[in-house]
């Protein structure tokens, strides 16, 4: 998200369906009430007024979470470019567990990414997969391939940004974005290298199967 925010032609929106997800699921996330009150929490209205509505820039980049796509009509995905960002589930689980006391498959989202990948392909809708490890291996090349795949030009400004919060951050940034606020680009490898706790290792093994299937379709540098 921070990378695309550097583009001269792009408007960035951070997790526009988060409020909807919290409202319909009752999930107890940090800042829940503040999040719901700060944004449109009707998913169908988010889709019609924002995702498919008018916006000033040439490109609208929306960071989404797969588990936010709950109780909504997903037909809108045929009208956008879909990119699945995947990551070693060890990193996702250990990172999530630092904020939330419990973690399950729906929280991690890897299985739903796999299901969404298959659903979009079955419907003949284009979907691009890119792995965070491949981006870190060669950010410039990975982003050039990604931009070419989705039909936009690469801009070198995408490779770096200033440390600290950004105006595009959702109101939940104070709970989740401490590490990314320290970053200035893709260098330095994965920030979180903690091992998966013993009670979550079975979840990790299950997630790993879906991750490996998706990685087979990922952009490679």
C-alpha atoms as a PDB file:
ATOM      1  CA  UNK A   1       0.000   0.000   0.000  1.00  0.00           C
ATOM      2  CA  UNK A   2       2.777   2.451   0.919  1.00  0.00           C
ATOM      3  CA  UNK A   3       4.527   1.630  -2.356  1.00  0.00           C
ATOM      4  CA  UNK A   4       1.513   2.441  -4.503  1.00  0.00           C
ATOM      5  CA  UNK A   5       0.867   5.604  -2.489  1.00  0.00           C
ATOM      6  CA  UNK A   6       4.090   7.016  -3.970  1.00  0.00           C
ATOM      7  CA  UNK A   7       2.694   6.928  -7.522  1.00  0.00           C
ATOM      8  CA  UNK A   8       1.720  10.208  -9.150  1.00  0.00           C
ATOM      9  CA  UNK A   9      -1.457   8.729 -10.640  1.00  0.00           C
ATOM     10  CA  UNK A  10      -2.824   6.652  -7.780  1.00  0.00           C
ATOM     11  CA  UNK A  11      -5.244   7.112  -4.895  1.00  0.00           C
ATOM     12  CA  UNK A  12      -4.823   4.621  -2.043  1.00  0.00           C
ATOM     13  CA  UNK A  13      -7.564   3.348   0.271  1.00  0.00           C
ATOM     14  CA  UNK A  14      -6.762   1.267   3.344  1.00  0.00           C
ATOM     15  CA  UNK A  15      -9.102  -1.716   3.990  1.00  0.00           C
ATOM     16  CA  UNK A  16     -12.424  -0.083   3.026  1.00  0.00           C
ATOM     17  CA  UNK A  17     -14.418  -3.163   4.108  1.00  0.00           C
ATOM     18  CA  UNK A  18     -12.960  -3.366   7.636  1.00  0.00           C
ATOM     19  CA  UNK A  19     -15.941  -1.635   9.263  1.00  0.00           C
ATOM     20  CA  UNK A  20     -18.348  -3.921   7.387  1.00  0.00           C
ATOM     21  CA  UNK A  21     -16.418  -6.992   8.527  1.00  0.00           C
ATOM     22  CA  UNK A  22     -16.461  -5.939  12.185  1.00  0.00           C
ATOM     23  CA  UNK A  23     -20.172  -5.083  12.040  1.00  0.00           C
ATOM     24  CA  UNK A  24     -21.413  -8.301  10.458  1.00  0.00           C
ATOM     25  CA  UNK A  25     -19.109 -10.721  12.280  1.00  0.00           C
ATOM     26  CA  UNK A  26     -18.969  -9.109  15.706  1.00  0.00           C
ATOM     27  CA  UNK A  27     -15.206  -9.731  15.731  1.00  0.00           C
ATOM     28  CA  UNK A  28     -13.524  -8.167  18.761  1.00  0.00           C
ATOM     29  CA  UNK A  29     -10.571  -6.292  17.268  1.00  0.00           C
ATOM     30  CA  UNK A  30      -8.595  -3.466  18.896  1.00  0.00           C
ATOM     31  CA  UNK A  31     -10.447  -0.174  18.379  1.00  0.00           C
ATOM     32  CA  UNK A  32     -13.573  -1.953  17.080  1.00  0.00           C
ATOM     33  CA  UNK A  33     -16.145   0.737  17.966  1.00  0.00           C
ATOM     34  CA  UNK A  34     -13.899   3.560  16.772  1.00  0.00           C
ATOM     35  CA  UNK A  35     -13.322   1.794  13.457  1.00  0.00           C
ATOM     36  CA  UNK A  36     -17.023   1.130  12.817  1.00  0.00           C
ATOM     37  CA  UNK A  37     -17.976   4.726  13.627  1.00  0.00           C
ATOM     38  CA  UNK A  38     -15.206   6.188  11.453  1.00  0.00           C
ATOM     39  CA  UNK A  39     -16.143   4.618   8.120  1.00  0.00           C
ATOM     40  CA  UNK A  40     -18.967   3.266   5.982  1.00  0.00           C
ATOM     41  CA  UNK A  41     -19.813  -0.097   7.517  1.00  0.00           C
ATOM     42  CA  UNK A  42     -22.324  -1.262   4.905  1.00  0.00           C
ATOM     43  CA  UNK A  43     -20.314  -3.451   2.510  1.00  0.00           C
ATOM     44  CA  UNK A  44     -22.621  -3.038  -0.468  1.00  0.00           C
ATOM     45  CA  UNK A  45     -22.507   0.745  -0.085  1.00  0.00           C
ATOM     46  CA  UNK A  46     -18.691   0.631   0.088  1.00  0.00           C
ATOM     47  CA  UNK A  47     -18.677  -1.279  -3.193  1.00  0.00           C
ATOM     48  CA  UNK A  48     -21.154   0.966  -5.021  1.00  0.00           C
ATOM     49  CA  UNK A  49     -19.977   4.338  -3.697  1.00  0.00           C
ATOM     50  CA  UNK A  50     -16.219   3.807  -3.349  1.00  0.00           C
ATOM     51  CA  UNK A  51     -14.851   0.740  -5.090  1.00  0.00           C
ATOM     52  CA  UNK A  52     -16.995   1.172  -8.207  1.00  0.00           C
ATOM     53  CA  UNK A  53     -17.733   4.860  -7.677  1.00  0.00           C
ATOM     54  CA  UNK A  54     -15.967   7.887  -9.070  1.00  0.00           C
ATOM     55  CA  UNK A  55     -12.518   8.965  -7.887  1.00  0.00           C
ATOM     56  CA  UNK A  56     -10.133  11.685  -8.982  1.00  0.00           C
ATOM     57  CA  UNK A  57      -6.978   9.710  -9.787  1.00  0.00           C
ATOM     58  CA  UNK A  58      -6.338   7.494 -12.806  1.00  0.00           C
ATOM     59  CA  UNK A  59      -5.763   4.469 -10.559  1.00  0.00           C
ATOM     60  CA  UNK A  60      -7.480   3.438  -7.328  1.00  0.00           C
ATOM     61  CA  UNK A  61      -5.447   1.038  -5.178  1.00  0.00           C
ATOM     62  CA  UNK A  62      -7.360  -0.680  -2.390  1.00  0.00           C
ATOM     63  CA  UNK A  63      -5.666  -2.777   0.250  1.00  0.00           C
ATOM     64  CA  UNK A  64      -8.137  -5.504   1.180  1.00  0.00           C
ATOM     65  CA  UNK A  65      -8.144  -8.454   3.572  1.00  0.00           C
ATOM     66  CA  UNK A  66      -9.737 -11.647   2.277  1.00  0.00           C
ATOM     67  CA  UNK A  67     -11.692 -12.255   5.476  1.00  0.00           C
ATOM     68  CA  UNK A  68     -13.362  -8.858   5.043  1.00  0.00           C
ATOM     69  CA  UNK A  69     -15.178 -10.229   1.970  1.00  0.00           C
ATOM     70  CA  UNK A  70     -17.976 -11.661   4.079  1.00  0.00           C
ATOM     71  CA  UNK A  71     -21.743 -11.389   3.444  1.00  0.00           C
ATOM     72  CA  UNK A  72     -21.307  -9.315   0.286  1.00  0.00           C
ATOM     73  CA  UNK A  73     -21.856  -9.881  -3.431  1.00  0.00           C
ATOM     74  CA  UNK A  74     -18.359 -10.517  -4.820  1.00  0.00           C
ATOM     75  CA  UNK A  75     -19.371  -9.980  -8.438  1.00  0.00           C
ATOM     76  CA  UNK A  76     -17.639  -6.580  -8.279  1.00  0.00           C
ATOM     77  CA  UNK A  77     -14.326  -8.434  -8.514  1.00  0.00           C
ATOM     78  CA  UNK A  78     -14.951  -8.841 -12.249  1.00  0.00           C
ATOM     79  CA  UNK A  79     -14.685  -5.056 -12.617  1.00  0.00           C
ATOM     80  CA  UNK A  80     -11.304  -4.578 -10.933  1.00  0.00           C
ATOM     81  CA  UNK A  81      -7.746  -5.893 -11.228  1.00  0.00           C
ATOM     82  CA  UNK A  82      -7.259  -8.530  -8.551  1.00  0.00           C
ATOM     83  CA  UNK A  83      -3.839  -9.041  -6.953  1.00  0.00           C
ATOM     84  CA  UNK A  84      -3.279 -11.575  -4.184  1.00  0.00           C
ATOM     85  CA  UNK A  85      -0.298 -10.697  -1.981  1.00  0.00           C
ATOM     86  CA  UNK A  86       0.852 -13.884  -0.283  1.00  0.00           C
ATOM     87  CA  UNK A  87       3.352 -14.349   2.523  1.00  0.00           C
ATOM     88  CA  UNK A  88       4.885 -17.263   4.382  1.00  0.00           C
ATOM     89  CA  UNK A  89       2.115 -18.105   6.899  1.00  0.00           C
ATOM     90  CA  UNK A  90       4.739 -18.388   9.649  1.00  0.00           C
ATOM     91  CA  UNK A  91       5.204 -14.628   9.336  1.00  0.00           C
ATOM     92  CA  UNK A  92       1.469 -13.934   9.252  1.00  0.00           C
ATOM     93  CA  UNK A  93       0.628 -16.107  12.256  1.00  0.00           C
ATOM     94  CA  UNK A  94       3.408 -14.835  14.500  1.00  0.00           C
ATOM     95  CA  UNK A  95       2.718 -11.209  13.521  1.00  0.00           C
ATOM     96  CA  UNK A  96      -1.036 -11.513  14.113  1.00  0.00           C
ATOM     97  CA  UNK A  97      -0.477 -13.281  17.411  1.00  0.00           C
ATOM     98  CA  UNK A  98       1.456 -10.268  18.735  1.00  0.00           C
ATOM     99  CA  UNK A  99      -1.772  -8.223  18.631  1.00  0.00           C
ATOM    100  CA  UNK A 100      -4.549 -10.805  19.028  1.00  0.00           C
ATOM    101  CA  UNK A 101      -4.691 -13.407  21.831  1.00  0.00           C
ATOM    102  CA  UNK A 102      -6.133 -16.102  19.545  1.00  0.00           C
ATOM    103  CA  UNK A 103      -5.550 -16.899  15.871  1.00  0.00           C
ATOM    104  CA  UNK A 104      -7.545 -19.119  13.504  1.00  0.00           C
ATOM    105  CA  UNK A 105      -7.634 -19.968   9.810  1.00  0.00           C
ATOM    106  CA  UNK A 106     -10.156 -17.244   8.985  1.00  0.00           C
ATOM    107  CA  UNK A 107      -7.938 -14.615  10.619  1.00  0.00           C
ATOM    108  CA  UNK A 108      -4.905 -15.641   8.575  1.00  0.00           C
ATOM    109  CA  UNK A 109      -6.776 -15.609   5.273  1.00  0.00           C
ATOM    110  CA  UNK A 110      -4.497 -17.995   3.356  1.00  0.00           C
ATOM    111  CA  UNK A 111      -7.186 -20.604   2.745  1.00  0.00           C
ATOM    112  CA  UNK A 112      -9.608 -17.940   1.561  1.00  0.00           C
ATOM    113  CA  UNK A 113      -6.930 -16.552  -0.778  1.00  0.00           C
ATOM    114  CA  UNK A 114      -6.607 -20.045  -2.245  1.00  0.00           C
ATOM    115  CA  UNK A 115     -10.387 -20.386  -2.589  1.00  0.00           C
ATOM    116  CA  UNK A 116     -10.655 -16.905  -4.088  1.00  0.00           C
ATOM    117  CA  UNK A 117      -7.879 -17.672  -6.580  1.00  0.00           C
ATOM    118  CA  UNK A 118      -9.753 -20.753  -7.774  1.00  0.00           C
ATOM    119  CA  UNK A 119     -13.109 -18.957  -7.828  1.00  0.00           C
ATOM    120  CA  UNK A 120     -11.793 -16.091  -9.946  1.00  0.00           C
ATOM    121  CA  UNK A 121     -10.095 -18.446 -12.376  1.00  0.00           C
ATOM    122  CA  UNK A 122     -13.252 -20.536 -12.732  1.00  0.00           C
ATOM    123  CA  UNK A 123     -15.192 -17.350 -13.514  1.00  0.00           C
ATOM    124  CA  UNK A 124     -12.593 -16.293 -16.089  1.00  0.00           C
ATOM    125  CA  UNK A 125     -11.560 -13.272 -14.005  1.00  0.00           C
ATOM    126  CA  UNK A 126      -7.897 -12.341 -14.051  1.00  0.00           C
ATOM    127  CA  UNK A 127      -5.966 -12.670 -10.802  1.00  0.00           C
ATOM    128  CA  UNK A 128      -2.274 -12.020 -10.175  1.00  0.00           C
ATOM    129  CA  UNK A 129      -0.342 -13.605  -7.312  1.00  0.00           C
ATOM    130  CA  UNK A 130       2.772 -12.004  -5.865  1.00  0.00           C
ATOM    131  CA  UNK A 131       4.772 -13.240  -2.881  1.00  0.00           C
ATOM    132  CA  UNK A 132       6.276 -10.858  -0.333  1.00  0.00           C
ATOM    133  CA  UNK A 133       9.501 -12.856  -0.341  1.00  0.00           C
ATOM    134  CA  UNK A 134       9.861 -12.392  -4.095  1.00  0.00           C
ATOM    135  CA  UNK A 135       9.307  -8.655  -3.698  1.00  0.00           C
ATOM    136  CA  UNK A 136      12.044  -8.487  -1.063  1.00  0.00           C
ATOM    137  CA  UNK A 137      14.376 -10.517  -3.279  1.00  0.00           C
ATOM    138  CA  UNK A 138      14.301  -7.830  -5.991  1.00  0.00           C
ATOM    139  CA  UNK A 139      11.761  -5.038  -5.333  1.00  0.00           C
ATOM    140  CA  UNK A 140      12.344  -3.181  -8.590  1.00  0.00           C
ATOM    141  CA  UNK A 141      11.969  -6.226 -10.812  1.00  0.00           C
ATOM    142  CA  UNK A 142       9.010  -7.621  -8.872  1.00  0.00           C
ATOM    143  CA  UNK A 143       7.094  -4.347  -9.043  1.00  0.00           C
ATOM    144  CA  UNK A 144       7.914  -3.862 -12.709  1.00  0.00           C
ATOM    145  CA  UNK A 145       6.471  -7.300 -13.493  1.00  0.00           C
ATOM    146  CA  UNK A 146       3.437  -6.617 -11.304  1.00  0.00           C
ATOM    147  CA  UNK A 147       2.730  -3.275 -12.970  1.00  0.00           C
ATOM    148  CA  UNK A 148       3.127  -4.781 -16.429  1.00  0.00           C
ATOM    149  CA  UNK A 149       0.801  -7.649 -15.517  1.00  0.00           C
ATOM    150  CA  UNK A 150      -2.013  -5.341 -14.375  1.00  0.00           C
ATOM    151  CA  UNK A 151      -1.501  -2.946 -17.285  1.00  0.00           C
ATOM    152  CA  UNK A 152       0.076   0.117 -15.703  1.00  0.00           C
ATOM    153  CA  UNK A 153       3.500   1.699 -15.992  1.00  0.00           C
ATOM    154  CA  UNK A 154       6.116   1.200 -13.299  1.00  0.00           C
ATOM    155  CA  UNK A 155       7.278   4.298 -11.407  1.00  0.00           C
ATOM    156  CA  UNK A 156      10.602   4.153  -9.568  1.00  0.00           C
ATOM    157  CA  UNK A 157       9.117   6.235  -6.749  1.00  0.00           C
ATOM    158  CA  UNK A 158       7.296   3.066  -5.674  1.00  0.00           C
ATOM    159  CA  UNK A 159      10.516   1.701  -4.188  1.00  0.00           C
ATOM    160  CA  UNK A 160      10.796   4.046  -1.191  1.00  0.00           C
ATOM    161  CA  UNK A 161       8.788   6.245   1.161  1.00  0.00           C
ATOM    162  CA  UNK A 162       9.297   8.316   4.293  1.00  0.00           C
ATOM    163  CA  UNK A 163       9.153   6.614   7.682  1.00  0.00           C
ATOM    164  CA  UNK A 164       6.157   7.244   9.886  1.00  0.00           C
ATOM    165  CA  UNK A 165       2.372   7.221   9.518  1.00  0.00           C
ATOM    166  CA  UNK A 166       0.701   8.136   6.238  1.00  0.00           C
ATOM    167  CA  UNK A 167      -2.554  10.017   5.631  1.00  0.00           C
ATOM    168  CA  UNK A 168      -3.929   6.921   3.896  1.00  0.00           C
ATOM    169  CA  UNK A 169      -3.605   4.829   7.056  1.00  0.00           C
ATOM    170  CA  UNK A 170      -6.808   3.513   8.520  1.00  0.00           C
ATOM    171  CA  UNK A 171      -7.655   4.582  12.052  1.00  0.00           C
ATOM    172  CA  UNK A 172      -6.504   1.111  13.161  1.00  0.00           C
ATOM    173  CA  UNK A 173      -2.879   1.886  12.241  1.00  0.00           C
ATOM    174  CA  UNK A 174      -1.993   2.612  15.873  1.00  0.00           C
ATOM    175  CA  UNK A 175      -2.787  -1.003  16.722  1.00  0.00           C
ATOM    176  CA  UNK A 176      -1.236  -2.786  13.736  1.00  0.00           C
ATOM    177  CA  UNK A 177       1.310  -0.646  11.853  1.00  0.00           C
ATOM    178  CA  UNK A 178       4.164  -0.067  14.304  1.00  0.00           C
ATOM    179  CA  UNK A 179       6.658  -2.001  12.181  1.00  0.00           C
ATOM    180  CA  UNK A 180       5.639  -0.605   8.814  1.00  0.00           C
ATOM    181  CA  UNK A 181       5.869   2.929  10.207  1.00  0.00           C
ATOM    182  CA  UNK A 182       9.575   2.283  10.759  1.00  0.00           C
ATOM    183  CA  UNK A 183      10.128   1.245   7.145  1.00  0.00           C
ATOM    184  CA  UNK A 184      11.339   3.395   4.258  1.00  0.00           C
ATOM    185  CA  UNK A 185      11.219   0.737   1.544  1.00  0.00           C
ATOM    186  CA  UNK A 186      11.398  -2.982   0.889  1.00  0.00           C
ATOM    187  CA  UNK A 187      15.007  -3.489   2.009  1.00  0.00           C
ATOM    188  CA  UNK A 188      16.016  -5.416   5.103  1.00  0.00           C
ATOM    189  CA  UNK A 189      14.056  -8.624   4.708  1.00  0.00           C
ATOM    190  CA  UNK A 190      11.043  -9.717   6.697  1.00  0.00           C
ATOM    191  CA  UNK A 191      10.593  -7.627   9.828  1.00  0.00           C
ATOM    192  CA  UNK A 192       9.039 -10.350  11.961  1.00  0.00           C
ATOM    193  CA  UNK A 193      11.106 -13.508  12.375  1.00  0.00           C
ATOM    194  CA  UNK A 194       9.469 -14.925  15.510  1.00  0.00           C
ATOM    195  CA  UNK A 195       8.812 -18.637  15.560  1.00  0.00           C
ATOM    196  CA  UNK A 196       5.262 -19.961  15.535  1.00  0.00           C
ATOM    197  CA  UNK A 197       4.089 -20.812  19.091  1.00  0.00           C
ATOM    198  CA  UNK A 198       3.566 -24.523  19.758  1.00  0.00           C
ATOM    199  CA  UNK A 199      -0.216 -24.150  20.031  1.00  0.00           C
ATOM    200  CA  UNK A 200      -0.347 -22.649  16.523  1.00  0.00           C
ATOM    201  CA  UNK A 201       1.942 -25.065  14.695  1.00  0.00           C
ATOM    202  CA  UNK A 202      -0.926 -27.216  13.434  1.00  0.00           C
ATOM    203  CA  UNK A 203      -2.548 -24.089  11.990  1.00  0.00           C
ATOM    204  CA  UNK A 204       0.771 -23.237  10.354  1.00  0.00           C
ATOM    205  CA  UNK A 205       1.055 -26.665   8.731  1.00  0.00           C
ATOM    206  CA  UNK A 206      -2.477 -26.379   7.356  1.00  0.00           C
ATOM    207  CA  UNK A 207      -1.858 -22.858   6.039  1.00  0.00           C
ATOM    208  CA  UNK A 208       1.405 -23.944   4.446  1.00  0.00           C
ATOM    209  CA  UNK A 209      -0.415 -26.270   2.025  1.00  0.00           C
ATOM    210  CA  UNK A 210      -2.546 -23.417   0.670  1.00  0.00           C
ATOM    211  CA  UNK A 211       0.434 -21.056   0.576  1.00  0.00           C
ATOM    212  CA  UNK A 212       2.528 -23.477  -1.467  1.00  0.00           C
ATOM    213  CA  UNK A 213      -0.272 -23.947  -3.992  1.00  0.00           C
ATOM    214  CA  UNK A 214      -0.556 -20.177  -4.418  1.00  0.00           C
ATOM    215  CA  UNK A 215       3.208 -19.719  -4.596  1.00  0.00           C
ATOM    216  CA  UNK A 216       3.246 -22.021  -7.641  1.00  0.00           C
ATOM    217  CA  UNK A 217       1.321 -19.279  -9.462  1.00  0.00           C
ATOM    218  CA  UNK A 218       3.277 -16.330  -8.077  1.00  0.00           C
ATOM    219  CA  UNK A 219       5.317 -13.790  -9.993  1.00  0.00           C
ATOM    220  CA  UNK A 220       8.974 -14.812  -9.845  1.00  0.00           C
ATOM    221  CA  UNK A 221      12.000 -12.548 -10.056  1.00  0.00           C
END
